[in-house]
Structures are given as structure tokens and as C-alpha cells.
Amino acid sequence: MKCLAALLLALTVTAGANSYAPPRPLLIGSDFGGYGFKFLPRGVNDATASARESWGELFVLQPDGTLKTLWKRKLVNTPSRVLISPRGQVVTLDNWAGYGSPKHAVVVYDLKGKVTADLKFSDVVPDARACPRCGSIDGPFLSWGYTPKYVFYGGEPHLALRNPAGKGPTINLVTGKLKTN
């Protein structure tokens, strides 16, 4: 009986652990193809699925087919998801494998690479009960509970994070201002 209890305990601990692939370079394109972004993790540790730092490069496709770099810089974090708005703002969501959670849950970079918003999970979701799907043993993940979509209010692009009921926070990608509901 003691052996069975020990085996069950070991299985419970193993079943509860998450494992992640290490971050790898990614090339991301905007929905309409005008902008592209290179995500470049550096100092990757395969054993811990982490990176010492990450860099990003935003570029735009020119009419003659060449690429023009708009900015290249060290990123605030190593994100688990990168989005590009139709107007070229870069948005990073969450932290790779939960490292650094709940800081830097949403980071917005403008067309010059300036950070216009750097929001913690608790800024975006003041009451964790509002996003039960965001929970994880590795920390909260916005992208597990919300679907991102771009909306325009007053001609300015916003990122709307929506749960299955259609509710959630909205971030102005020009000013970085957050509206929760």
C-alpha cells in the first residue's frame, strides 16, 4: 500500500509539471503583409527553455520589394507571443515559459521601437477570477484566456483581448492606455 501511495504521488507531481521548448528565432508578419518582425532570443538555454535576452527587429516592405528596418532593439522580455498591428505597432504577450510572470504581460512598441505600454498581468486583469483560463502552474498567461484582435476607435488602433463571452481589456496602441471592463 505504501508503494502504491508513493507511485501515485510521483505521478501527480509529474503530471502537474509543464515543459516548454526553448525559444527560437521567429519571423512574424502583420495581417496584411506590410510589416514584419524578427524575434531573436540570445543565450538560449535548452535545459531550462529560457533565453538570457531577446532582441526584435521591425521592418516594412517597400513598394520596390526591399525591406526597410524601422527599429532594432533589445526587448523588455522574452515573450511567448508577438503580434503586429495593421499600422506596425508590435505587441508582445506573456513571458516565455512563464519566466518573469506576471511582469511584462503586455508590452507595446511604437514604430520607432519606443515602449508605449509595459503592463503587468494584474494591470490587465485586476481580478484574476475574470480570466480563469489564464491560470497555470507556471504563472498567468493572457494568451490562454483571451483571443487578441485589432479594433479601431477614433481612427487609432487598439488591441482587444476577448474571452469566449466577448469581454476583456482593450489597449490603445498609440498611447498605451488600458481600459478594463
Protein backbone atom coordinates (compact mmCIF):
# COMPACT_ATOMS: atom_id res chain seq x y z
CA MET A 1 0.00 0.00 0.00
CA LYS A 2 2.88 2.40 0.79
CA CYS A 3 4.42 1.69 -2.63
CA LEU A 4 1.11 2.50 -4.32
CA ALA A 5 0.83 5.80 -2.42
CA ALA A 6 4.40 6.76 -3.39
CA LEU A 7 3.74 5.88 -7.02
CA LEU A 8 0.55 7.95 -7.09
CA LEU A 9 2.37 10.91 -5.53
CA ALA A 10 5.16 10.69 -8.12
CA LEU A 11 2.65 10.53 -10.97
CA THR A 12 0.75 13.53 -9.59
CA VAL A 13 3.89 15.66 -9.42
CA THR A 14 4.98 14.59 -12.90
CA ALA A 15 1.55 15.13 -14.42
CA GLY A 16 1.37 18.65 -12.96
CA ALA A 17 4.66 19.84 -14.43
CA ASN A 18 4.71 21.77 -17.69
CA SER A 19 7.57 21.53 -20.11
CA TYR A 20 8.39 24.06 -22.80
CA ALA A 21 10.51 24.09 -25.91
CA PRO A 22 13.31 26.64 -25.75
CA PRO A 23 12.69 29.96 -27.53
CA ARG A 24 13.79 30.00 -31.16
CA PRO A 25 14.08 32.79 -33.73
CA LEU A 26 10.75 33.61 -35.35
CA LEU A 27 9.65 35.69 -38.30
CA ILE A 28 6.22 37.25 -37.81
CA GLY A 29 4.18 39.13 -40.41
CA SER A 30 1.35 41.59 -39.99
CA ASP A 31 -2.13 40.54 -41.11
CA PHE A 32 -1.92 42.43 -44.39
CA GLY A 33 1.76 41.73 -45.03
CA GLY A 34 3.18 45.25 -44.94
CA TYR A 35 5.19 44.80 -41.73
CA GLY A 36 7.43 42.04 -40.48
CA PHE A 37 9.19 41.34 -37.21
CA LYS A 38 12.20 39.21 -36.33
CA PHE A 39 12.18 37.74 -32.82
CA LEU A 40 15.75 36.82 -31.88
CA PRO A 41 16.38 35.15 -28.50
CA ARG A 42 20.04 35.16 -27.42
CA GLY A 43 21.86 32.98 -24.95
CA VAL A 44 19.26 30.21 -25.18
CA ASN A 45 19.45 27.52 -22.51
CA ASP A 46 17.77 24.39 -23.88
CA ALA A 47 17.63 22.70 -20.46
CA THR A 48 15.60 25.49 -18.86
CA ALA A 49 13.80 26.64 -22.04
CA SER A 50 14.97 30.19 -21.39
CA ALA A 51 16.98 32.95 -23.05
CA ARG A 52 19.42 35.40 -21.46
CA GLU A 53 17.83 38.20 -23.51
CA SER A 54 15.80 38.75 -26.65
CA TRP A 55 16.04 41.21 -29.49
CA GLY A 56 13.49 42.33 -32.02
CA GLU A 57 13.61 44.00 -35.41
CA LEU A 58 10.62 45.65 -37.08
CA PHE A 59 10.76 46.15 -40.83
CA VAL A 60 8.39 47.37 -43.53
CA LEU A 61 8.03 46.13 -47.10
CA GLN A 62 8.83 48.93 -49.55
CA PRO A 63 6.99 49.38 -52.90
CA ASP A 64 10.07 48.11 -54.77
CA GLY A 65 10.11 44.89 -52.71
CA THR A 66 13.03 45.79 -50.46
CA LEU A 67 12.81 45.73 -46.69
CA LYS A 68 13.43 48.84 -44.59
CA THR A 69 14.31 48.34 -40.92
CA LEU A 70 12.30 50.68 -38.72
CA TRP A 71 13.93 49.66 -35.45
CA LYS A 72 16.09 47.01 -33.83
CA ARG A 73 16.45 46.75 -30.07
CA LYS A 74 16.64 44.58 -27.01
CA LEU A 75 13.15 43.58 -25.93
CA VAL A 76 11.83 44.14 -22.42
CA ASN A 77 11.30 40.38 -22.01
CA THR A 78 11.33 37.10 -23.90
CA PRO A 79 7.68 36.95 -24.94
CA SER A 80 5.65 33.86 -25.69
CA ARG A 81 3.67 35.61 -28.41
CA VAL A 82 4.37 38.54 -30.76
CA LEU A 83 1.70 40.41 -32.72
CA ILE A 84 1.97 43.23 -35.27
CA SER A 85 -0.88 45.67 -35.72
CA PRO A 86 -2.02 46.74 -39.20
CA ARG A 87 -0.23 50.05 -38.51
CA GLY A 88 3.05 48.46 -37.41
CA GLN A 89 2.91 48.59 -33.62
CA VAL A 90 4.47 45.49 -32.07
CA VAL A 91 2.73 43.86 -29.13
CA THR A 92 4.28 41.11 -27.03
CA LEU A 93 2.12 38.92 -24.82
CA ASP A 94 3.16 36.93 -21.78
CA ASN A 95 6.61 35.61 -20.94
CA TRP A 96 8.25 32.55 -22.47
CA ALA A 97 7.54 29.51 -20.27
CA GLY A 98 6.25 31.85 -17.57
CA TYR A 99 9.68 33.33 -16.78
CA GLY A 100 9.17 36.77 -15.29
CA SER A 101 5.41 36.34 -14.90
CA PRO A 102 3.37 38.30 -14.10
CA LYS A 103 5.56 41.26 -15.17
CA HIS A 104 5.55 42.32 -18.84
CA ALA A 105 2.25 40.56 -19.63
CA VAL A 106 1.67 43.11 -22.42
CA VAL A 107 4.40 45.28 -23.92
CA VAL A 108 3.64 47.67 -26.79
CA TYR A 109 6.37 49.13 -29.03
CA ASP A 110 5.65 52.03 -31.41
CA LEU A 111 7.02 52.43 -34.95
CA LYS A 112 10.32 53.76 -33.58
CA GLY A 113 10.76 50.97 -31.02
CA LYS A 114 9.73 53.09 -28.04
CA VAL A 115 7.80 51.24 -25.33
CA THR A 116 4.37 52.87 -25.03
CA ALA A 117 2.99 50.30 -22.56
CA ASP A 118 4.56 47.74 -20.22
CA LEU A 119 1.73 46.16 -18.26
CA LYS A 120 1.73 43.55 -15.51
CA PHE A 121 -0.86 40.80 -15.53
CA SER A 122 -2.63 42.47 -12.59
CA ASP A 123 -2.87 45.73 -14.57
CA VAL A 124 -4.62 43.97 -17.43
CA VAL A 125 -6.70 41.60 -15.29
CA PRO A 126 -7.29 43.34 -11.92
CA ASP A 127 -9.45 40.43 -10.72
CA ALA A 128 -7.96 37.03 -11.66
CA ARG A 129 -11.44 35.49 -11.41
CA ALA A 130 -12.27 37.42 -14.60
CA CYS A 131 -9.92 35.13 -16.53
CA PRO A 132 -9.96 31.62 -15.06
CA ARG A 133 -8.41 30.21 -18.26
CA CYS A 134 -5.34 32.43 -17.76
CA GLY A 135 -4.13 30.38 -14.79
CA SER A 136 -1.19 27.98 -14.92
CA ILE A 137 1.28 26.42 -12.51
CA ASP A 138 3.93 28.48 -14.33
CA GLY A 139 2.16 31.80 -13.88
CA PRO A 140 -0.66 33.62 -15.59
CA PHE A 141 -0.85 33.64 -19.39
CA LEU A 142 -3.15 36.17 -21.08
CA SER A 143 -3.00 34.25 -24.35
CA TRP A 144 -4.54 31.17 -22.70
CA GLY A 145 -7.68 33.04 -21.70
CA TYR A 146 -8.09 35.71 -24.35
CA THR A 147 -8.13 35.93 -28.13
CA PRO A 148 -6.41 39.09 -29.41
CA LYS A 149 -7.99 41.16 -32.16
CA TYR A 150 -7.39 44.61 -33.56
CA VAL A 151 -10.10 47.25 -33.42
CA PHE A 152 -10.09 50.94 -34.30
CA TYR A 153 -11.65 53.66 -32.16
CA GLY A 154 -11.41 57.26 -33.36
CA GLY A 155 -9.01 56.14 -36.07
CA GLU A 156 -6.49 54.75 -33.55
CA PRO A 157 -5.57 51.06 -33.38
CA HIS A 158 -6.37 49.15 -30.21
CA LEU A 159 -5.69 45.59 -29.16
CA ALA A 160 -8.81 43.97 -27.74
CA LEU A 161 -8.25 40.85 -25.65
CA ARG A 162 -11.53 38.93 -25.60
CA ASN A 163 -12.67 35.88 -23.67
CA PRO A 164 -15.24 33.44 -25.11
CA ALA A 165 -18.04 35.72 -23.80
CA GLY A 166 -16.60 38.65 -25.81
CA LYS A 167 -15.35 40.55 -22.76
CA GLY A 168 -11.90 41.70 -21.78
CA PRO A 169 -9.41 44.56 -21.70
CA THR A 170 -8.54 46.90 -24.57
CA ILE A 171 -5.18 48.67 -25.06
CA ASN A 172 -4.70 51.80 -27.16
CA LEU A 173 -1.62 51.03 -29.26
CA VAL A 174 -0.75 54.71 -29.79
CA THR A 175 -0.99 55.97 -26.20
CA GLY A 176 -0.57 52.68 -24.33
CA LYS A 177 -3.67 53.42 -22.24
CA LEU A 178 -5.55 50.43 -20.91
CA LYS A 179 -9.29 50.05 -20.50
CA THR A 180 -10.53 47.11 -18.43
CA ASN A 181 -14.13 46.02 -18.15
